[in-house]
Amino acid sequence: MDNQSLWKKIESFHIGAAGASLSFSQRLARENDWSAEFTDRVIFEFDLHKIVLERAMRRAARPRITSHSNPGRH
């Protein structure tokens, strides 16, 4: 998955119950006494961290070639 596809997938995901009286971001702002703008920034930063984590997990899952995996090479 390329960066643009991943970002679109993350942007389309919304936390919270459909039909709730307050959205997740509204509740987060209210409970932390944050402005709507600051809350949006916090959520944006969280989304960026999700992308970084997804990329790191993908790299960590790749097989690595070491001298142990190739016994004929020292």
N, C-alpha and C. Protein backbone atom coordinates (compact mmCIF):
# COMPACT_ATOMS: atom_id res chain seq x y z
N MET A 1 0.85 -1.17 0.00
CA MET A 1 0.00 0.00 0.00
C MET A 1 0.90 1.24 0.00
N ASP A 2 0.64 2.15 -0.91
CA ASP A 2 1.47 3.35 -0.97
C ASP A 2 1.00 4.36 0.08
N ASN A 3 1.80 5.40 0.27
CA ASN A 3 1.50 6.40 1.31
C ASN A 3 0.15 7.07 1.11
N GLN A 4 -0.18 7.41 -0.13
CA GLN A 4 -1.45 8.09 -0.39
C GLN A 4 -2.63 7.18 -0.07
N SER A 5 -2.56 5.93 -0.45
CA SER A 5 -3.64 4.98 -0.15
C SER A 5 -3.78 4.78 1.36
N LEU A 6 -2.64 4.66 2.04
CA LEU A 6 -2.67 4.49 3.48
C LEU A 6 -3.29 5.71 4.16
N TRP A 7 -2.89 6.90 3.72
CA TRP A 7 -3.42 8.12 4.31
C TRP A 7 -4.93 8.21 4.09
N LYS A 8 -5.42 7.87 2.91
CA LYS A 8 -6.86 7.90 2.63
C LYS A 8 -7.60 6.91 3.53
N LYS A 9 -7.00 5.75 3.73
CA LYS A 9 -7.62 4.74 4.60
C LYS A 9 -7.71 5.25 6.04
N ILE A 10 -6.65 5.88 6.52
CA ILE A 10 -6.65 6.42 7.87
C ILE A 10 -7.64 7.56 8.01
N GLU A 11 -7.68 8.46 7.01
CA GLU A 11 -8.61 9.58 7.06
C GLU A 11 -10.06 9.13 7.05
N SER A 12 -10.35 8.02 6.39
CA SER A 12 -11.73 7.54 6.29
C SER A 12 -12.20 6.84 7.57
N PHE A 13 -11.27 6.49 8.44
CA PHE A 13 -11.62 5.81 9.69
C PHE A 13 -12.02 6.85 10.73
N HIS A 14 -13.18 6.68 11.30
CA HIS A 14 -13.66 7.62 12.31
C HIS A 14 -13.92 6.88 13.62
N ILE A 15 -13.36 7.41 14.68
CA ILE A 15 -13.54 6.82 16.00
C ILE A 15 -14.87 7.32 16.57
N GLY A 16 -15.58 6.45 17.22
CA GLY A 16 -16.81 6.86 17.89
C GLY A 16 -18.02 6.16 17.30
N ALA A 17 -19.08 6.18 18.07
CA ALA A 17 -20.32 5.53 17.67
C ALA A 17 -21.11 6.43 16.72
N ALA A 18 -21.64 5.84 15.68
CA ALA A 18 -22.50 6.58 14.76
C ALA A 18 -23.75 7.02 15.51
N GLY A 19 -24.14 8.25 15.32
CA GLY A 19 -25.35 8.75 15.96
C GLY A 19 -25.15 9.21 17.40
N ALA A 20 -23.91 9.24 17.88
CA ALA A 20 -23.66 9.71 19.25
C ALA A 20 -23.98 11.20 19.35
N SER A 21 -24.39 11.63 20.52
CA SER A 21 -24.73 13.04 20.69
C SER A 21 -23.51 13.94 20.53
N LEU A 22 -22.32 13.43 20.87
CA LEU A 22 -21.06 14.15 20.65
C LEU A 22 -20.13 13.25 19.87
N SER A 23 -19.42 13.83 18.91
CA SER A 23 -18.43 13.04 18.18
C SER A 23 -17.23 12.79 19.09
N PHE A 24 -16.36 11.89 18.67
CA PHE A 24 -15.17 11.61 19.46
C PHE A 24 -14.36 12.87 19.69
N SER A 25 -14.15 13.64 18.61
CA SER A 25 -13.33 14.86 18.75
C SER A 25 -14.01 15.89 19.66
N GLN A 26 -15.32 16.00 19.59
CA GLN A 26 -16.03 16.93 20.47
C GLN A 26 -15.89 16.50 21.93
N ARG A 27 -16.04 15.22 22.17
CA ARG A 27 -15.89 14.72 23.54
C ARG A 27 -14.47 14.88 24.05
N LEU A 28 -13.49 14.59 23.19
CA LEU A 28 -12.08 14.74 23.55
C LEU A 28 -11.79 16.19 23.93
N ALA A 29 -12.28 17.11 23.12
CA ALA A 29 -12.08 18.54 23.40
C ALA A 29 -12.73 18.94 24.72
N ARG A 30 -13.95 18.52 24.91
CA ARG A 30 -14.68 18.89 26.13
C ARG A 30 -14.00 18.33 27.38
N GLU A 31 -13.62 17.06 27.33
CA GLU A 31 -13.05 16.42 28.52
C GLU A 31 -11.64 16.92 28.85
N ASN A 32 -10.96 17.51 27.87
CA ASN A 32 -9.60 18.01 28.10
C ASN A 32 -9.52 19.53 28.08
N ASP A 33 -10.67 20.17 27.93
CA ASP A 33 -10.74 21.63 27.87
C ASP A 33 -9.85 22.17 26.75
N TRP A 34 -9.96 21.54 25.56
CA TRP A 34 -9.18 21.94 24.40
C TRP A 34 -10.09 22.67 23.41
N SER A 35 -9.48 23.51 22.58
CA SER A 35 -10.22 24.13 21.49
C SER A 35 -10.44 23.08 20.40
N ALA A 36 -11.39 23.34 19.51
CA ALA A 36 -11.65 22.43 18.40
C ALA A 36 -10.42 22.33 17.50
N GLU A 37 -9.73 23.45 17.30
CA GLU A 37 -8.55 23.47 16.44
C GLU A 37 -7.43 22.62 17.04
N PHE A 38 -7.21 22.74 18.35
CA PHE A 38 -6.16 21.94 19.00
C PHE A 38 -6.52 20.46 18.95
N THR A 39 -7.77 20.14 19.16
CA THR A 39 -8.23 18.75 19.12
C THR A 39 -7.99 18.16 17.73
N ASP A 40 -8.31 18.93 16.70
CA ASP A 40 -8.07 18.46 15.33
C ASP A 40 -6.58 18.20 15.10
N ARG A 41 -5.74 19.06 15.65
CA ARG A 41 -4.28 18.89 15.50
C ARG A 41 -3.82 17.62 16.22
N VAL A 42 -4.34 17.38 17.42
CA VAL A 42 -3.97 16.17 18.17
C VAL A 42 -4.37 14.93 17.38
N ILE A 43 -5.56 14.92 16.82
CA ILE A 43 -6.03 13.77 16.05
C ILE A 43 -5.18 13.60 14.79
N PHE A 44 -4.83 14.70 14.14
CA PHE A 44 -3.96 14.65 12.96
C PHE A 44 -2.60 14.05 13.31
N GLU A 45 -2.01 14.49 14.42
CA GLU A 45 -0.72 13.96 14.85
C GLU A 45 -0.82 12.47 15.16
N PHE A 46 -1.93 12.07 15.76
CA PHE A 46 -2.15 10.65 16.06
C PHE A 46 -2.21 9.86 14.76
N ASP A 47 -2.89 10.41 13.75
CA ASP A 47 -2.96 9.74 12.45
C ASP A 47 -1.57 9.58 11.84
N LEU A 48 -0.74 10.61 11.95
CA LEU A 48 0.63 10.52 11.44
C LEU A 48 1.41 9.41 12.14
N HIS A 49 1.22 9.29 13.45
CA HIS A 49 1.90 8.24 14.20
C HIS A 49 1.43 6.85 13.75
N LYS A 50 0.16 6.74 13.40
CA LYS A 50 -0.34 5.46 12.90
C LYS A 50 0.35 5.08 11.60
N ILE A 51 0.61 6.06 10.73
CA ILE A 51 1.29 5.79 9.47
C ILE A 51 2.72 5.33 9.74
N VAL A 52 3.42 6.05 10.61
CA VAL A 52 4.80 5.68 10.94
C VAL A 52 4.85 4.27 11.53
N LEU A 53 3.94 3.97 12.42
CA LEU A 53 3.90 2.64 13.03
C LEU A 53 3.62 1.56 11.99
N GLU A 54 2.67 1.82 11.10
CA GLU A 54 2.34 0.85 10.08
C GLU A 54 3.55 0.57 9.21
N ARG A 55 4.28 1.61 8.83
CA ARG A 55 5.48 1.44 8.01
C ARG A 55 6.57 0.67 8.76
N ALA A 56 6.75 0.98 10.03
CA ALA A 56 7.76 0.29 10.84
C ALA A 56 7.41 -1.19 11.00
N MET A 57 6.14 -1.47 11.21
CA MET A 57 5.71 -2.87 11.36
C MET A 57 5.92 -3.63 10.05
N ARG A 58 5.66 -2.98 8.95
CA ARG A 58 5.84 -3.62 7.65
C ARG A 58 7.33 -3.94 7.42
N ARG A 59 8.22 -3.00 7.78
CA ARG A 59 9.66 -3.24 7.62
C ARG A 59 10.13 -4.34 8.56
N ALA A 60 9.60 -4.36 9.77
CA ALA A 60 10.02 -5.36 10.75
C ALA A 60 9.58 -6.76 10.32
N ALA A 61 8.52 -6.85 9.55
CA ALA A 61 8.00 -8.15 9.13
C ALA A 61 8.74 -8.72 7.93
N ARG A 62 9.57 -7.90 7.26
CA ARG A 62 10.32 -8.38 6.10
C ARG A 62 11.39 -9.38 6.54
N PRO A 63 11.56 -10.44 5.75
CA PRO A 63 12.64 -11.38 6.09
C PRO A 63 14.00 -10.70 5.89
N ARG A 64 14.92 -11.03 6.74
CA ARG A 64 16.25 -10.45 6.65
C ARG A 64 17.24 -11.54 6.27
N ILE A 65 18.13 -11.18 5.39
CA ILE A 65 19.16 -12.12 4.97
C ILE A 65 20.38 -11.89 5.85
N THR A 66 20.80 -12.95 6.52
CA THR A 66 21.99 -12.88 7.38
C THR A 66 22.92 -14.00 6.99
N SER A 67 24.09 -13.99 7.56
CA SER A 67 25.05 -15.05 7.27
C SER A 67 24.53 -16.40 7.76
N HIS A 68 23.62 -16.38 8.74
CA HIS A 68 23.05 -17.64 9.25
C HIS A 68 22.06 -18.25 8.27
N SER A 69 21.43 -17.38 7.46
CA SER A 69 20.45 -17.90 6.51
C SER A 69 21.12 -18.38 5.22
N ASN A 70 22.39 -18.13 5.07
CA ASN A 70 23.14 -18.58 3.90
C ASN A 70 24.40 -19.30 4.39
N PRO A 71 24.28 -20.59 4.77
CA PRO A 71 25.37 -21.30 5.40
C PRO A 71 26.64 -21.39 4.57
N GLY A 72 26.56 -21.25 3.25
CA GLY A 72 27.74 -21.37 2.42
C GLY A 72 28.59 -20.11 2.42
N ARG A 73 28.08 -19.02 2.98
CA ARG A 73 28.79 -17.75 2.96
C ARG A 73 29.26 -17.41 4.37
N HIS A 74 30.53 -17.07 4.52
CA HIS A 74 31.07 -16.73 5.85
C HIS A 74 31.56 -15.33 5.89
